[in-house]
Amino acid sequence: MIKKRYTNANHYLLESLTLKKITIVAIMFSLFVISGCSSQNKQDIKQGLTEVGHATRDATTATGHFFRDTTKDVIENVKDATNN
């Protein structure tokens, strides 16, 4: 078996860290940071995420209504144009 040679430590490090390992490290770091927050900070983070979620939901609903109404108008215009 031929062993692979690395030109420097960075190549070895980049090749040895898989996406799975990086993801686990990121999750552990996030949990460590959040566990250090006070209860009030955690509540503020939760409230902020809830507001983002509600804004996203509202924007999605508005977009859906826009396309629904536009489609209805287009269909009515096509019917009117073909009937005349």
Protein backbone atom coordinates (compact mmCIF):
# COMPACT_ATOMS: atom_id res chain seq x y z
CA MET A 1 0.00 0.00 0.00
CA ILE A 2 1.31 3.43 -0.93
CA LYS A 3 1.04 6.06 1.76
CA LYS A 4 -0.10 9.49 0.73
CA ARG A 5 2.37 12.32 1.24
CA TYR A 6 1.22 15.72 2.37
CA THR A 7 3.11 18.84 1.32
CA ASN A 8 2.24 20.63 4.53
CA ALA A 9 0.13 20.40 7.65
CA ASN A 10 -2.76 22.37 6.12
CA HIS A 11 -3.34 19.76 3.42
CA TYR A 12 -3.38 17.03 6.04
CA LEU A 13 -5.73 18.99 8.28
CA LEU A 14 -8.16 19.83 5.46
CA GLU A 15 -8.23 16.25 4.26
CA SER A 16 -8.57 14.71 7.70
CA LEU A 17 -11.50 16.88 8.79
CA THR A 18 -14.64 15.63 7.17
CA LEU A 19 -17.86 17.56 6.88
CA LYS A 20 -19.32 15.39 9.63
CA LYS A 21 -16.55 16.33 12.06
CA ILE A 22 -16.81 20.00 11.21
CA THR A 23 -20.58 19.90 11.74
CA ILE A 24 -20.21 18.21 15.12
CA VAL A 25 -17.61 20.77 16.21
CA ALA A 26 -19.87 23.65 15.10
CA ILE A 27 -22.84 22.22 17.00
CA MET A 28 -20.77 21.67 20.13
CA PHE A 29 -19.40 25.23 19.93
CA SER A 30 -22.93 26.62 19.51
CA LEU A 31 -24.18 24.65 22.50
CA PHE A 32 -21.22 25.82 24.56
CA VAL A 33 -21.92 29.46 23.67
CA ILE A 34 -25.66 29.15 24.35
CA SER A 35 -25.10 27.35 27.66
CA GLY A 36 -23.02 30.32 28.79
CA CYS A 37 -25.86 32.74 28.13
CA SER A 38 -28.13 33.88 30.89
CA SER A 39 -31.76 32.87 30.98
CA GLN A 40 -32.80 36.33 29.77
CA ASN A 41 -30.41 36.12 26.82
CA LYS A 42 -31.83 32.72 25.87
CA GLN A 43 -35.35 34.18 26.04
CA ASP A 44 -34.27 37.09 23.82
CA ILE A 45 -32.74 34.69 21.30
CA LYS A 46 -35.93 32.62 21.28
CA GLN A 47 -38.08 35.75 20.83
CA GLY A 48 -35.87 36.95 17.97
CA LEU A 49 -36.12 33.61 16.19
CA THR A 50 -39.89 33.61 16.69
CA GLU A 51 -40.16 37.07 15.12
CA VAL A 52 -38.07 35.94 12.16
CA GLY A 53 -40.28 32.88 11.78
CA HIS A 54 -43.45 34.97 11.85
CA ALA A 55 -42.05 37.46 9.35
CA THR A 56 -41.08 34.60 7.04
CA ARG A 57 -44.53 33.07 7.35
CA ASP A 58 -46.21 36.41 6.61
CA ALA A 59 -43.99 37.05 3.59
CA THR A 60 -44.68 33.57 2.25
CA THR A 61 -48.42 34.06 2.67
CA ALA A 62 -48.33 37.45 0.96
CA THR A 63 -46.29 36.03 -1.92
CA GLY A 64 -48.70 33.12 -2.31
CA HIS A 65 -51.68 35.49 -2.35
CA PHE A 66 -49.94 37.72 -4.90
CA PHE A 67 -49.37 34.81 -7.29
CA ARG A 68 -52.87 33.45 -6.68
CA ASP A 69 -54.47 36.81 -7.47
CA THR A 70 -52.21 37.44 -10.46
CA THR A 71 -53.02 34.00 -11.88
CA LYS A 72 -56.75 34.64 -11.48
CA ASP A 73 -56.41 37.98 -13.28
CA VAL A 74 -54.45 36.40 -16.12
CA ILE A 75 -57.02 33.63 -16.52
CA GLU A 76 -59.88 36.15 -16.56
CA ASN A 77 -58.05 38.31 -19.12
CA VAL A 78 -57.44 35.29 -21.36
CA LYS A 79 -61.10 34.26 -21.10
CA ASP A 80 -62.22 37.80 -21.95
CA ALA A 81 -59.82 37.98 -24.90
CA THR A 82 -60.93 34.63 -26.32
CA ASN A 83 -64.64 35.36 -25.86
CA ASN A 84 -64.53 38.64 -27.81
